[in-house]
N, C-alpha and C. Protein backbone atom coordinates (compact mmCIF):
# COMPACT_ATOMS: atom_id res chain seq x y z
N UNK A 1 95.62 89.93 26.85
CA UNK A 1 96.88 89.30 27.22
C UNK A 1 97.68 90.27 28.10
N UNK A 2 98.34 89.73 29.09
CA UNK A 2 99.24 90.56 29.88
C UNK A 2 100.49 90.83 29.05
N UNK A 3 101.25 91.82 29.47
CA UNK A 3 102.51 92.14 28.78
C UNK A 3 103.46 90.95 28.85
N UNK A 4 103.46 90.26 30.00
CA UNK A 4 104.33 89.09 30.15
C UNK A 4 103.95 87.99 29.15
N UNK A 5 102.64 87.77 28.97
CA UNK A 5 102.21 86.73 28.05
C UNK A 5 102.49 87.12 26.60
N UNK A 6 102.39 88.38 26.29
CA UNK A 6 102.74 88.84 24.95
C UNK A 6 104.22 88.58 24.67
N UNK A 7 105.07 88.79 25.67
CA UNK A 7 106.49 88.48 25.55
C UNK A 7 106.70 86.98 25.33
N UNK A 8 105.91 86.15 26.02
CA UNK A 8 106.00 84.70 25.87
C UNK A 8 105.67 84.30 24.43
N UNK A 9 104.57 84.83 23.90
CA UNK A 9 104.15 84.48 22.54
C UNK A 9 105.20 84.93 21.53
N UNK A 10 105.73 86.13 21.70
CA UNK A 10 106.76 86.63 20.80
C UNK A 10 108.00 85.73 20.86
N UNK A 11 108.40 85.34 22.06
CA UNK A 11 109.55 84.46 22.22
C UNK A 11 109.31 83.09 21.61
N UNK A 12 108.11 82.55 21.75
CA UNK A 12 107.78 81.25 21.18
C UNK A 12 107.83 81.31 19.65
N UNK A 13 107.32 82.40 19.09
CA UNK A 13 107.34 82.57 17.63
C UNK A 13 108.79 82.65 17.14
N UNK A 14 109.61 83.42 17.83
CA UNK A 14 111.02 83.55 17.45
C UNK A 14 111.72 82.19 17.56
N UNK A 15 111.43 81.44 18.60
CA UNK A 15 112.05 80.13 18.80
C UNK A 15 111.64 79.17 17.69
N UNK A 16 110.37 79.17 17.32
CA UNK A 16 109.90 78.29 16.24
C UNK A 16 110.59 78.62 14.93
N UNK A 17 110.70 79.89 14.62
CA UNK A 17 111.38 80.29 13.38
C UNK A 17 112.83 79.88 13.39
N UNK A 18 113.50 80.11 14.52
CA UNK A 18 114.92 79.76 14.63
C UNK A 18 115.14 78.26 14.51
N UNK A 19 114.20 77.47 15.06
CA UNK A 19 114.33 76.01 15.02
C UNK A 19 113.91 75.42 13.68
N UNK A 20 113.38 76.26 12.78
CA UNK A 20 112.95 75.77 11.48
C UNK A 20 111.61 75.07 11.52
N UNK A 21 110.82 75.32 12.56
CA UNK A 21 109.51 74.70 12.68
C UNK A 21 108.47 75.52 11.93
N UNK A 22 107.48 74.84 11.40
CA UNK A 22 106.44 75.51 10.64
C UNK A 22 105.48 76.29 11.54
N UNK A 23 105.30 75.80 12.75
CA UNK A 23 104.32 76.41 13.64
C UNK A 23 104.85 76.46 15.07
N UNK A 24 104.29 77.37 15.84
CA UNK A 24 104.55 77.40 17.28
C UNK A 24 103.85 76.18 17.87
N UNK A 25 104.59 75.39 18.65
CA UNK A 25 103.95 74.26 19.31
C UNK A 25 103.95 74.49 20.83
N UNK A 26 103.41 73.55 21.56
CA UNK A 26 103.29 73.73 23.01
C UNK A 26 104.65 73.73 23.71
N UNK A 27 105.63 73.03 23.14
CA UNK A 27 106.97 73.05 23.74
C UNK A 27 107.62 74.43 23.56
N UNK A 28 107.38 75.08 22.42
CA UNK A 28 107.89 76.45 22.24
C UNK A 28 107.26 77.37 23.29
N UNK A 29 105.95 77.21 23.50
CA UNK A 29 105.26 78.05 24.49
C UNK A 29 105.81 77.78 25.89
N UNK A 30 105.99 76.50 26.23
CA UNK A 30 106.53 76.16 27.55
C UNK A 30 107.92 76.76 27.74
N UNK A 31 108.77 76.63 26.73
CA UNK A 31 110.13 77.16 26.82
C UNK A 31 110.10 78.66 27.10
N UNK A 32 109.32 79.36 26.33
CA UNK A 32 109.24 80.81 26.50
C UNK A 32 108.61 81.19 27.84
N UNK A 33 107.60 80.44 28.28
CA UNK A 33 106.98 80.70 29.59
C UNK A 33 107.99 80.56 30.72
N UNK A 34 108.68 79.43 30.74
CA UNK A 34 109.62 79.14 31.83
C UNK A 34 110.78 80.12 31.83
N UNK A 35 111.16 80.57 30.64
CA UNK A 35 112.31 81.46 30.51
C UNK A 35 111.97 82.92 30.82
N UNK A 36 110.75 83.37 30.46
CA UNK A 36 110.49 84.81 30.53
C UNK A 36 109.36 85.25 31.44
N UNK A 37 108.43 84.37 31.80
CA UNK A 37 107.29 84.78 32.62
C UNK A 37 107.58 84.52 34.09
N UNK A 38 107.69 85.57 34.90
CA UNK A 38 108.05 85.39 36.31
C UNK A 38 107.06 84.54 37.10
N UNK A 39 105.78 84.69 36.82
CA UNK A 39 104.78 83.92 37.55
C UNK A 39 104.84 82.44 37.19
N UNK A 40 105.03 82.14 35.91
CA UNK A 40 105.16 80.74 35.49
C UNK A 40 106.44 80.13 36.07
N UNK A 41 107.52 80.88 36.05
CA UNK A 41 108.77 80.40 36.63
C UNK A 41 108.60 80.13 38.12
N UNK A 42 107.81 80.95 38.79
CA UNK A 42 107.59 80.77 40.23
C UNK A 42 106.88 79.45 40.53
N UNK A 43 106.08 78.96 39.60
CA UNK A 43 105.40 77.68 39.81
C UNK A 43 106.41 76.54 39.95
N UNK A 44 107.55 76.68 39.31
CA UNK A 44 108.60 75.68 39.43
C UNK A 44 109.48 75.95 40.64
N UNK A 45 109.69 77.20 40.95
CA UNK A 45 110.57 77.60 42.06
C UNK A 45 110.01 77.23 43.42
N UNK A 46 108.69 77.13 43.52
CA UNK A 46 108.08 76.92 44.83
C UNK A 46 107.95 75.45 45.22
N UNK A 47 108.54 74.56 44.46
CA UNK A 47 108.45 73.14 44.78
C UNK A 47 109.61 72.73 45.67
N UNK A 48 109.40 72.70 47.00
CA UNK A 48 110.50 72.36 47.90
C UNK A 48 111.01 70.94 47.72
N UNK A 49 110.15 70.00 47.30
CA UNK A 49 110.61 68.63 47.13
C UNK A 49 111.57 68.49 45.96
N UNK A 50 111.51 69.44 45.03
CA UNK A 50 112.39 69.38 43.86
C UNK A 50 113.56 70.33 44.00
N UNK A 51 113.75 70.89 45.17
CA UNK A 51 114.90 71.75 45.38
C UNK A 51 114.73 73.15 44.81
N UNK A 52 113.50 73.61 44.79
CA UNK A 52 113.27 74.98 44.33
C UNK A 52 113.64 75.15 42.87
N UNK A 53 114.62 75.99 42.60
CA UNK A 53 115.02 76.35 41.25
C UNK A 53 115.59 75.21 40.44
N UNK A 54 115.95 74.12 41.07
CA UNK A 54 116.52 73.00 40.31
C UNK A 54 115.51 72.40 39.34
N UNK A 55 114.24 72.39 39.71
CA UNK A 55 113.23 71.84 38.81
C UNK A 55 113.12 72.72 37.56
N UNK A 56 113.09 74.01 37.74
CA UNK A 56 113.04 74.94 36.61
C UNK A 56 114.29 74.76 35.74
N UNK A 57 115.44 74.59 36.37
CA UNK A 57 116.69 74.40 35.63
C UNK A 57 116.65 73.11 34.81
N UNK A 58 116.06 72.04 35.37
CA UNK A 58 115.95 70.78 34.62
C UNK A 58 115.05 70.95 33.39
N UNK A 59 113.94 71.65 33.58
CA UNK A 59 113.03 71.88 32.45
C UNK A 59 113.73 72.70 31.38
N UNK A 60 114.39 73.78 31.77
CA UNK A 60 115.10 74.60 30.80
C UNK A 60 116.22 73.82 30.12
N UNK A 61 116.93 73.00 30.88
CA UNK A 61 118.00 72.18 30.30
C UNK A 61 117.46 71.23 29.26
N UNK A 62 116.34 70.61 29.55
CA UNK A 62 115.73 69.69 28.60
C UNK A 62 115.27 70.45 27.35
N UNK A 63 114.68 71.62 27.55
CA UNK A 63 114.22 72.42 26.42
C UNK A 63 115.38 72.90 25.55
N UNK A 64 116.50 73.22 26.16
CA UNK A 64 117.68 73.62 25.39
C UNK A 64 118.16 72.43 24.56
N UNK A 65 118.19 71.24 25.17
CA UNK A 65 118.57 70.04 24.41
C UNK A 65 117.65 69.87 23.21
N UNK A 66 116.37 70.11 23.43
CA UNK A 66 115.39 69.98 22.35
C UNK A 66 115.73 70.94 21.22
N UNK A 67 116.06 72.17 21.58
CA UNK A 67 116.29 73.17 20.53
C UNK A 67 117.61 72.97 19.81
N UNK A 68 118.55 72.22 20.40
CA UNK A 68 119.83 72.01 19.71
C UNK A 68 119.94 70.62 19.09
N UNK A 69 118.84 69.88 19.09
CA UNK A 69 118.92 68.60 18.41
C UNK A 69 117.90 67.58 18.83
N UNK A 70 117.58 67.53 20.12
CA UNK A 70 116.64 66.52 20.57
C UNK A 70 115.30 66.65 19.85
N UNK A 71 114.89 67.87 19.59
CA UNK A 71 113.60 68.11 18.97
C UNK A 71 113.57 67.90 17.47
N UNK A 72 114.63 67.39 16.89
CA UNK A 72 114.64 67.17 15.45
C UNK A 72 113.52 66.23 15.01
N UNK A 73 113.13 65.30 15.87
CA UNK A 73 112.05 64.40 15.49
C UNK A 73 110.72 65.14 15.43
N UNK A 74 110.63 66.32 16.06
CA UNK A 74 109.41 67.13 16.01
C UNK A 74 109.46 68.14 14.88
N UNK A 75 110.68 68.44 14.42
CA UNK A 75 110.85 69.52 13.45
C UNK A 75 110.06 69.24 12.17
N UNK A 76 109.46 70.27 11.66
CA UNK A 76 108.69 70.22 10.43
C UNK A 76 107.47 69.31 10.51
N UNK A 77 107.03 69.01 11.72
CA UNK A 77 105.80 68.23 11.89
C UNK A 77 104.81 69.08 12.67
N UNK A 78 103.54 68.76 12.52
CA UNK A 78 102.49 69.52 13.19
C UNK A 78 102.06 68.76 14.44
N UNK A 79 102.02 69.45 15.54
CA UNK A 79 101.59 68.84 16.80
C UNK A 79 100.07 68.90 16.87
N UNK A 80 99.44 67.72 16.93
CA UNK A 80 98.01 67.74 17.15
C UNK A 80 97.45 66.41 17.63
N UNK A 81 98.03 65.30 17.27
CA UNK A 81 97.39 64.01 17.47
C UNK A 81 97.24 63.62 18.94
N UNK A 82 98.21 63.90 19.78
CA UNK A 82 98.15 63.41 21.14
C UNK A 82 97.40 64.29 22.11
N UNK A 83 97.02 65.45 21.71
CA UNK A 83 96.42 66.40 22.63
C UNK A 83 95.05 65.96 23.12
N UNK A 84 94.82 66.09 24.41
CA UNK A 84 93.52 65.78 24.99
C UNK A 84 92.54 66.94 24.83
N UNK A 85 93.05 68.11 24.50
CA UNK A 85 92.19 69.26 24.27
C UNK A 85 91.59 69.18 22.88
N UNK A 86 90.40 69.73 22.71
CA UNK A 86 89.85 69.73 21.35
C UNK A 86 90.72 70.59 20.46
N UNK A 87 91.21 70.01 19.39
CA UNK A 87 92.13 70.72 18.51
C UNK A 87 91.39 71.76 17.68
N UNK A 88 92.04 72.87 17.47
CA UNK A 88 91.54 73.90 16.57
C UNK A 88 92.24 73.63 15.25
N UNK A 89 91.50 73.36 14.21
CA UNK A 89 92.09 72.91 12.96
C UNK A 89 91.82 73.87 11.82
N UNK A 90 92.43 73.55 10.70
CA UNK A 90 92.11 74.22 9.45
C UNK A 90 92.89 75.48 9.22
N UNK A 91 92.31 76.31 8.37
CA UNK A 91 92.98 77.53 7.94
C UNK A 91 93.27 78.46 9.10
N UNK A 92 92.42 78.40 10.12
CA UNK A 92 92.60 79.29 11.27
C UNK A 92 93.97 79.10 11.92
N UNK A 93 94.38 77.86 12.21
CA UNK A 93 95.68 77.64 12.84
C UNK A 93 96.81 77.77 11.85
N UNK A 94 96.60 77.36 10.61
CA UNK A 94 97.66 77.48 9.60
C UNK A 94 98.00 78.95 9.39
N UNK A 95 96.99 79.78 9.31
CA UNK A 95 97.23 81.21 9.09
C UNK A 95 97.87 81.86 10.31
N UNK A 96 97.55 81.35 11.50
CA UNK A 96 98.09 81.96 12.71
C UNK A 96 99.53 81.55 12.98
N UNK A 97 99.96 80.43 12.39
CA UNK A 97 101.30 79.95 12.64
C UNK A 97 101.40 79.15 13.93
N UNK A 98 100.27 78.71 14.47
CA UNK A 98 100.23 77.92 15.70
C UNK A 98 99.82 76.49 15.36
N UNK A 99 100.39 75.53 16.05
CA UNK A 99 99.92 74.15 15.89
C UNK A 99 98.51 74.07 16.46
N UNK A 100 97.73 73.07 16.02
CA UNK A 100 96.39 72.93 16.59
C UNK A 100 96.41 72.77 18.11
N UNK A 101 97.38 72.03 18.64
CA UNK A 101 97.47 71.83 20.09
C UNK A 101 97.82 73.14 20.81
N UNK A 102 98.71 73.94 20.22
CA UNK A 102 99.07 75.22 20.84
C UNK A 102 97.89 76.19 20.80
N UNK A 103 97.17 76.20 19.68
CA UNK A 103 95.99 77.07 19.57
C UNK A 103 94.93 76.64 20.58
N UNK A 104 94.74 75.33 20.73
CA UNK A 104 93.76 74.83 21.71
C UNK A 104 94.20 75.18 23.13
N UNK A 105 95.49 75.10 23.40
CA UNK A 105 96.00 75.46 24.73
C UNK A 105 95.75 76.93 25.03
N UNK A 106 95.99 77.77 24.03
CA UNK A 106 95.77 79.20 24.24
C UNK A 106 94.28 79.48 24.46
N UNK A 107 93.43 78.80 23.70
CA UNK A 107 91.98 78.97 23.90
C UNK A 107 91.59 78.50 25.31
N UNK A 108 92.18 77.42 25.76
CA UNK A 108 91.93 76.94 27.12
C UNK A 108 92.39 77.93 28.18
N UNK A 109 93.51 78.60 27.92
CA UNK A 109 94.01 79.62 28.85
C UNK A 109 93.03 80.79 28.92
N UNK A 110 92.45 81.15 27.78
CA UNK A 110 91.46 82.23 27.76
C UNK A 110 90.23 81.83 28.58
N UNK A 111 89.79 80.58 28.42
CA UNK A 111 88.65 80.09 29.20
C UNK A 111 88.96 80.09 30.69
N UNK A 112 90.16 79.69 31.05
CA UNK A 112 90.57 79.65 32.45
C UNK A 112 90.53 81.05 33.06
N UNK A 113 91.03 82.03 32.31
CA UNK A 113 91.00 83.42 32.80
C UNK A 113 89.56 83.89 32.97
N UNK A 114 88.70 83.56 32.01
CA UNK A 114 87.30 83.97 32.09
C UNK A 114 86.61 83.35 33.30
N UNK A 115 86.90 82.08 33.58
CA UNK A 115 86.31 81.41 34.74
C UNK A 115 86.76 82.07 36.05
N UNK A 116 87.95 82.62 36.03
CA UNK A 116 88.49 83.31 37.19
C UNK A 116 87.89 84.72 37.30
N UNK A 117 87.20 85.15 36.24
CA UNK A 117 86.62 86.48 36.22
C UNK A 117 87.59 87.55 35.76
N UNK A 118 88.63 87.12 35.06
CA UNK A 118 89.66 88.05 34.59
C UNK A 118 89.58 88.13 33.07
N UNK A 119 89.64 89.32 32.55
CA UNK A 119 89.62 89.48 31.09
C UNK A 119 91.01 89.29 30.49
N UNK A 120 92.03 89.35 31.33
CA UNK A 120 93.40 89.20 30.83
C UNK A 120 93.92 87.79 31.09
N UNK A 121 94.49 87.20 30.06
CA UNK A 121 95.09 85.88 30.18
C UNK A 121 96.51 86.06 30.68
N UNK A 122 96.85 85.31 31.72
CA UNK A 122 98.20 85.38 32.29
C UNK A 122 98.99 84.13 31.88
N UNK A 123 100.30 84.23 32.00
CA UNK A 123 101.16 83.09 31.68
C UNK A 123 100.82 81.87 32.51
N UNK A 124 100.43 82.08 33.75
CA UNK A 124 100.09 80.98 34.64
C UNK A 124 98.86 80.22 34.12
N UNK A 125 97.95 80.94 33.43
CA UNK A 125 96.80 80.28 32.81
C UNK A 125 97.26 79.34 31.71
N UNK A 126 98.17 79.81 30.88
CA UNK A 126 98.69 78.98 29.80
C UNK A 126 99.48 77.80 30.35
N UNK A 127 100.29 78.03 31.36
CA UNK A 127 101.05 76.94 31.97
C UNK A 127 100.12 75.88 32.53
N UNK A 128 99.05 76.29 33.17
CA UNK A 128 98.09 75.33 33.74
C UNK A 128 97.51 74.43 32.66
N UNK A 129 97.14 75.01 31.54
CA UNK A 129 96.55 74.24 30.44
C UNK A 129 97.60 73.33 29.80
N UNK A 130 98.79 73.85 29.60
CA UNK A 130 99.86 73.03 29.01
C UNK A 130 100.17 71.82 29.89
N UNK A 131 100.25 72.03 31.20
CA UNK A 131 100.59 70.96 32.13
C UNK A 131 99.45 69.95 32.29
N UNK A 132 98.22 70.39 32.08
CA UNK A 132 97.06 69.52 32.29
C UNK A 132 96.83 68.54 31.14
N UNK A 133 97.31 68.85 29.97
CA UNK A 133 97.07 68.02 28.79
C UNK A 133 98.20 67.00 28.65
N UNK A 134 97.95 65.73 28.94
CA UNK A 134 99.04 64.75 28.89
C UNK A 134 99.56 64.43 27.50
N UNK A 135 98.84 64.85 26.45
CA UNK A 135 99.21 64.46 25.10
C UNK A 135 99.98 65.49 24.31
N UNK A 136 100.28 66.64 24.89
CA UNK A 136 100.99 67.65 24.10
C UNK A 136 102.51 67.55 24.31
N UNK A 137 103.24 68.25 23.48
CA UNK A 137 104.70 68.21 23.56
C UNK A 137 105.22 68.85 24.84
N UNK A 138 104.54 69.86 25.33
CA UNK A 138 104.96 70.48 26.59
C UNK A 138 104.89 69.47 27.73
N UNK A 139 103.83 68.68 27.78
CA UNK A 139 103.71 67.66 28.82
C UNK A 139 104.81 66.60 28.68
N UNK A 140 105.15 66.28 27.44
CA UNK A 140 106.24 65.33 27.20
C UNK A 140 107.55 65.88 27.76
N UNK A 141 107.78 67.16 27.56
CA UNK A 141 108.99 67.80 28.10
C UNK A 141 108.96 67.78 29.62
N UNK A 142 107.82 68.11 30.21
CA UNK A 142 107.72 68.12 31.68
C UNK A 142 107.99 66.72 32.24
N UNK A 143 107.41 65.70 31.61
CA UNK A 143 107.64 64.32 32.07
C UNK A 143 109.13 63.96 31.97
N UNK A 144 109.74 64.30 30.84
CA UNK A 144 111.15 63.97 30.63
C UNK A 144 112.05 64.69 31.62
N UNK A 145 111.65 65.87 32.07
CA UNK A 145 112.44 66.63 33.04
C UNK A 145 112.12 66.22 34.48
N UNK A 146 111.22 65.27 34.65
CA UNK A 146 110.91 64.76 35.98
C UNK A 146 109.94 65.62 36.77
N UNK A 147 109.12 66.39 36.10
CA UNK A 147 108.16 67.25 36.78
C UNK A 147 106.88 66.46 37.06
N UNK A 148 106.44 66.49 38.29
CA UNK A 148 105.16 65.89 38.67
C UNK A 148 104.08 66.89 38.26
N UNK A 149 103.35 66.56 37.18
CA UNK A 149 102.38 67.51 36.64
C UNK A 149 101.24 67.78 37.62
N UNK A 150 100.86 66.81 38.43
CA UNK A 150 99.80 67.04 39.42
C UNK A 150 100.27 68.03 40.49
N UNK A 151 101.51 67.88 40.94
CA UNK A 151 102.05 68.82 41.93
C UNK A 151 102.20 70.20 41.32
N UNK A 152 102.61 70.26 40.06
CA UNK A 152 102.72 71.54 39.38
C UNK A 152 101.35 72.21 39.27
N UNK A 153 100.32 71.44 38.95
CA UNK A 153 98.96 71.98 38.86
C UNK A 153 98.51 72.56 40.21
N UNK A 154 98.86 71.87 41.29
CA UNK A 154 98.50 72.36 42.63
C UNK A 154 99.21 73.68 42.92
N UNK A 155 100.49 73.78 42.56
CA UNK A 155 101.22 75.03 42.79
C UNK A 155 100.66 76.17 41.93
N UNK A 156 100.26 75.84 40.71
CA UNK A 156 99.66 76.84 39.84
C UNK A 156 98.37 77.37 40.47
N UNK A 157 97.56 76.47 41.02
CA UNK A 157 96.31 76.91 41.67
C UNK A 157 96.60 77.80 42.86
N UNK A 158 97.61 77.46 43.64
CA UNK A 158 98.01 78.32 44.77
C UNK A 158 98.41 79.70 44.29
N UNK A 159 99.23 79.75 43.25
CA UNK A 159 99.67 81.04 42.71
C UNK A 159 98.51 81.83 42.12
N UNK A 160 97.58 81.14 41.49
CA UNK A 160 96.42 81.81 40.90
C UNK A 160 95.55 82.47 41.95
N UNK A 161 95.48 81.85 43.11
CA UNK A 161 94.65 82.40 44.20
C UNK A 161 95.29 83.60 44.87
N UNK A 162 96.60 83.74 44.73
CA UNK A 162 97.33 84.83 45.39
C UNK A 162 97.14 86.17 44.72
N UNK A 163 96.77 86.17 43.46
CA UNK A 163 96.65 87.44 42.73
C UNK A 163 95.21 87.86 42.65
């Protein structure tokens, strides 16, 4: 993991605890990514059709609403049913404190880094996986904030090629 991604995971864990959630879910990961990872934030900043930073601001605004009340319908529930990724289940995710969908997303990010020939997983890898899965909570947040996930995926690929 890069230092930036370690900061993201730490922030997501802190956010889950503060929100009273049993596990880190994909929305916690997205919130922490957009807030703290410069490369992930750049994926939102480079969208000229969305006014650059305004798209990132909309996502953060929606995530803040979630953390102060909107997400109450998610609180104390486990995210797993809607995910298109194969869920990682059982004692492994329960012990880790990650929802099955978040654990599957992180595993997907590791695979993405390996396919790129990199041993280190970057925040942009995790963002790519979160945005690609239409059934997770992060994708729900992106849709609600008006983010075109296909355009975001294209920007992520551009950024991935630059490093």
